[in-house]
Amino acid sequence: MSEVKLKLDNRGRGGFYLEKDGKQIGEMVVGLSETTLTVYHTEVDPEMEGQGFAKKMFDEMVSYARDQELLVMPLCEYVHAQFRRHPDDFADIWKK
């Protein structure tokens, strides 16, 4: 079973980390300010690609942003592509 965890340092830097069987298999690097969650990079272990793990971290990030009433600045290619493909789904959180 895989689980996404958010870990941030005292400066709001860190990420969403995906673990499976106690091993980290993915990360979404983020920075947090008062109003914005900036997503810098998303990566999944090459052996685990194609199994929906990036989407799982993405969904967790979107839920967190909505719960915390944050705008998302998608500097990450993956996140930006998701926002571009489905602009209406993310209009409430997309900081363009």
C-alpha atoms as a PDB file:
ATOM      1  CA  MET A   1       0.000   0.000   0.000  1.00  0.00           C
ATOM      2  CA  SER A   2       1.261   3.475  -0.845  1.00  0.00           C
ATOM      3  CA  GLU A   3       0.835   6.585   1.253  1.00  0.00           C
ATOM      4  CA  VAL A   4       1.452  10.285   0.534  1.00  0.00           C
ATOM      5  CA  LYS A   5       2.880  12.408   3.347  1.00  0.00           C
ATOM      6  CA  LEU A   6       3.545  16.138   3.441  1.00  0.00           C
ATOM      7  CA  LYS A   7       6.768  17.178   5.134  1.00  0.00           C
ATOM      8  CA  LEU A   8       7.762  20.840   5.428  1.00  0.00           C
ATOM      9  CA  ASP A   9      10.618  22.510   7.254  1.00  0.00           C
ATOM     10  CA  ASN A  10      10.180  25.669   9.351  1.00  0.00           C
ATOM     11  CA  ARG A  11      10.663  27.816   6.216  1.00  0.00           C
ATOM     12  CA  GLY A  12       7.854  26.092   4.299  1.00  0.00           C
ATOM     13  CA  ARG A  13      10.142  24.051   2.056  1.00  0.00           C
ATOM     14  CA  GLY A  14       9.713  20.341   1.513  1.00  0.00           C
ATOM     15  CA  GLY A  15       7.289  18.208  -0.370  1.00  0.00           C
ATOM     16  CA  PHE A  16       4.709  15.529  -0.730  1.00  0.00           C
ATOM     17  CA  TYR A  17       6.440  12.177  -0.396  1.00  0.00           C
ATOM     18  CA  LEU A  18       5.049   8.866  -1.571  1.00  0.00           C
ATOM     19  CA  GLU A  19       6.060   5.769   0.313  1.00  0.00           C
ATOM     20  CA  LYS A  20       5.330   2.154  -0.490  1.00  0.00           C
ATOM     21  CA  ASP A  21       6.261  -0.638   1.896  1.00  0.00           C
ATOM     22  CA  GLY A  22       8.356   1.812   3.943  1.00  0.00           C
ATOM     23  CA  LYS A  23      10.408   3.000   0.947  1.00  0.00           C
ATOM     24  CA  GLN A  24      10.160   6.437  -0.666  1.00  0.00           C
ATOM     25  CA  ILE A  25       9.186   5.981  -4.308  1.00  0.00           C
ATOM     26  CA  GLY A  26       8.161   9.516  -5.241  1.00  0.00           C
ATOM     27  CA  GLU A  27       8.346  13.153  -4.311  1.00  0.00           C
ATOM     28  CA  MET A  28       6.729  16.425  -5.286  1.00  0.00           C
ATOM     29  CA  VAL A  29       8.996  19.287  -4.226  1.00  0.00           C
ATOM     30  CA  VAL A  30       7.082  22.343  -2.971  1.00  0.00           C
ATOM     31  CA  GLY A  31       7.510  25.674  -1.269  1.00  0.00           C
ATOM     32  CA  LEU A  32       4.800  27.258   0.843  1.00  0.00           C
ATOM     33  CA  SER A  33       4.103  30.937   1.475  1.00  0.00           C
ATOM     34  CA  GLU A  34       1.102  32.565   3.146  1.00  0.00           C
ATOM     35  CA  THR A  35      -1.061  32.373   0.039  1.00  0.00           C
ATOM     36  CA  THR A  36       0.779  30.209  -2.487  1.00  0.00           C
ATOM     37  CA  LEU A  37       1.942  26.634  -2.824  1.00  0.00           C
ATOM     38  CA  THR A  38       4.685  26.531  -5.459  1.00  0.00           C
ATOM     39  CA  VAL A  39       5.331  23.137  -7.024  1.00  0.00           C
ATOM     40  CA  TYR A  40       8.863  22.837  -8.375  1.00  0.00           C
ATOM     41  CA  HIS A  41       9.335  19.222  -9.394  1.00  0.00           C
ATOM     42  CA  THR A  42       7.619  15.825  -9.395  1.00  0.00           C
ATOM     43  CA  GLU A  43       9.543  12.583  -9.607  1.00  0.00           C
ATOM     44  CA  VAL A  44       8.702   8.891  -9.258  1.00  0.00           C
ATOM     45  CA  ASP A  45      11.207   6.044  -8.975  1.00  0.00           C
ATOM     46  CA  PRO A  46      11.812   4.874 -12.580  1.00  0.00           C
ATOM     47  CA  GLU A  47      10.870   1.301 -11.632  1.00  0.00           C
ATOM     48  CA  MET A  48       7.466   2.556 -10.441  1.00  0.00           C
ATOM     49  CA  GLU A  49       6.568   4.838 -13.364  1.00  0.00           C
ATOM     50  CA  GLY A  50       3.286   4.331 -15.182  1.00  0.00           C
ATOM     51  CA  GLN A  51       1.373   3.152 -12.116  1.00  0.00           C
ATOM     52  CA  GLY A  52      -0.390   6.408 -11.261  1.00  0.00           C
ATOM     53  CA  PHE A  53       1.892   7.433  -8.395  1.00  0.00           C
ATOM     54  CA  ALA A  54       2.546  10.964  -9.721  1.00  0.00           C
ATOM     55  CA  LYS A  55      -1.225  11.436 -10.022  1.00  0.00           C
ATOM     56  CA  LYS A  56      -1.674  10.253  -6.444  1.00  0.00           C
ATOM     57  CA  MET A  57       0.757  12.939  -5.189  1.00  0.00           C
ATOM     58  CA  PHE A  58      -0.888  15.486  -7.493  1.00  0.00           C
ATOM     59  CA  ASP A  59      -4.348  14.715  -6.073  1.00  0.00           C
ATOM     60  CA  GLU A  60      -3.026  15.040  -2.515  1.00  0.00           C
ATOM     61  CA  MET A  61      -1.401  18.386  -3.347  1.00  0.00           C
ATOM     62  CA  VAL A  62      -4.637  19.709  -4.909  1.00  0.00           C
ATOM     63  CA  SER A  63      -6.659  18.626  -1.865  1.00  0.00           C
ATOM     64  CA  TYR A  64      -4.167  20.279   0.476  1.00  0.00           C
ATOM     65  CA  ALA A  65      -4.202  23.535  -1.520  1.00  0.00           C
ATOM     66  CA  ARG A  66      -8.000  23.640  -1.459  1.00  0.00           C
ATOM     67  CA  ASP A  67      -8.208  22.771   2.244  1.00  0.00           C
ATOM     68  CA  GLN A  68      -5.697  25.506   3.090  1.00  0.00           C
ATOM     69  CA  GLU A  69      -7.212  28.005   0.598  1.00  0.00           C
ATOM     70  CA  LEU A  70      -3.921  28.348  -1.279  1.00  0.00           C
ATOM     71  CA  LEU A  71      -3.190  29.186  -4.887  1.00  0.00           C
ATOM     72  CA  VAL A  72      -0.872  26.798  -6.734  1.00  0.00           C
ATOM     73  CA  MET A  73       1.994  28.063  -8.874  1.00  0.00           C
ATOM     74  CA  PRO A  74       2.849  25.074 -11.116  1.00  0.00           C
ATOM     75  CA  LEU A  75       6.516  25.466 -12.040  1.00  0.00           C
ATOM     76  CA  CYS A  76       6.709  21.679 -12.336  1.00  0.00           C
ATOM     77  CA  GLU A  77       6.134  20.411 -15.894  1.00  0.00           C
ATOM     78  CA  TYR A  78       3.857  17.591 -14.748  1.00  0.00           C
ATOM     79  CA  VAL A  79       1.604  19.796 -12.611  1.00  0.00           C
ATOM     80  CA  HIS A  80       1.492  22.541 -15.236  1.00  0.00           C
ATOM     81  CA  ALA A  81       0.474  19.981 -17.879  1.00  0.00           C
ATOM     82  CA  GLN A  82      -2.369  18.713 -15.661  1.00  0.00           C
ATOM     83  CA  PHE A  83      -3.606  22.264 -15.092  1.00  0.00           C
ATOM     84  CA  ARG A  84      -3.412  23.067 -18.830  1.00  0.00           C
ATOM     85  CA  ARG A  85      -5.285  19.880 -19.787  1.00  0.00           C
ATOM     86  CA  HIS A  86      -8.098  20.498 -17.310  1.00  0.00           C
ATOM     87  CA  PRO A  87      -8.197  24.285 -16.702  1.00  0.00           C
ATOM     88  CA  ASP A  88     -11.792  24.333 -15.456  1.00  0.00           C
ATOM     89  CA  ASP A  89     -11.038  21.695 -12.815  1.00  0.00           C
ATOM     90  CA  PHE A  90      -8.262  23.799 -11.297  1.00  0.00           C
ATOM     91  CA  ALA A  91      -9.407  27.391 -11.977  1.00  0.00           C
ATOM     92  CA  ASP A  92     -10.034  27.931  -8.240  1.00  0.00           C
ATOM     93  CA  ILE A  93      -6.403  27.212  -7.276  1.00  0.00           C
ATOM     94  CA  TRP A  94      -4.313  27.943 -10.401  1.00  0.00           C
ATOM     95  CA  LYS A  95      -2.080  30.980  -9.952  1.00  0.00           C
ATOM     96  CA  LYS A  96      -1.270  31.946 -13.537  1.00  0.00           C
END
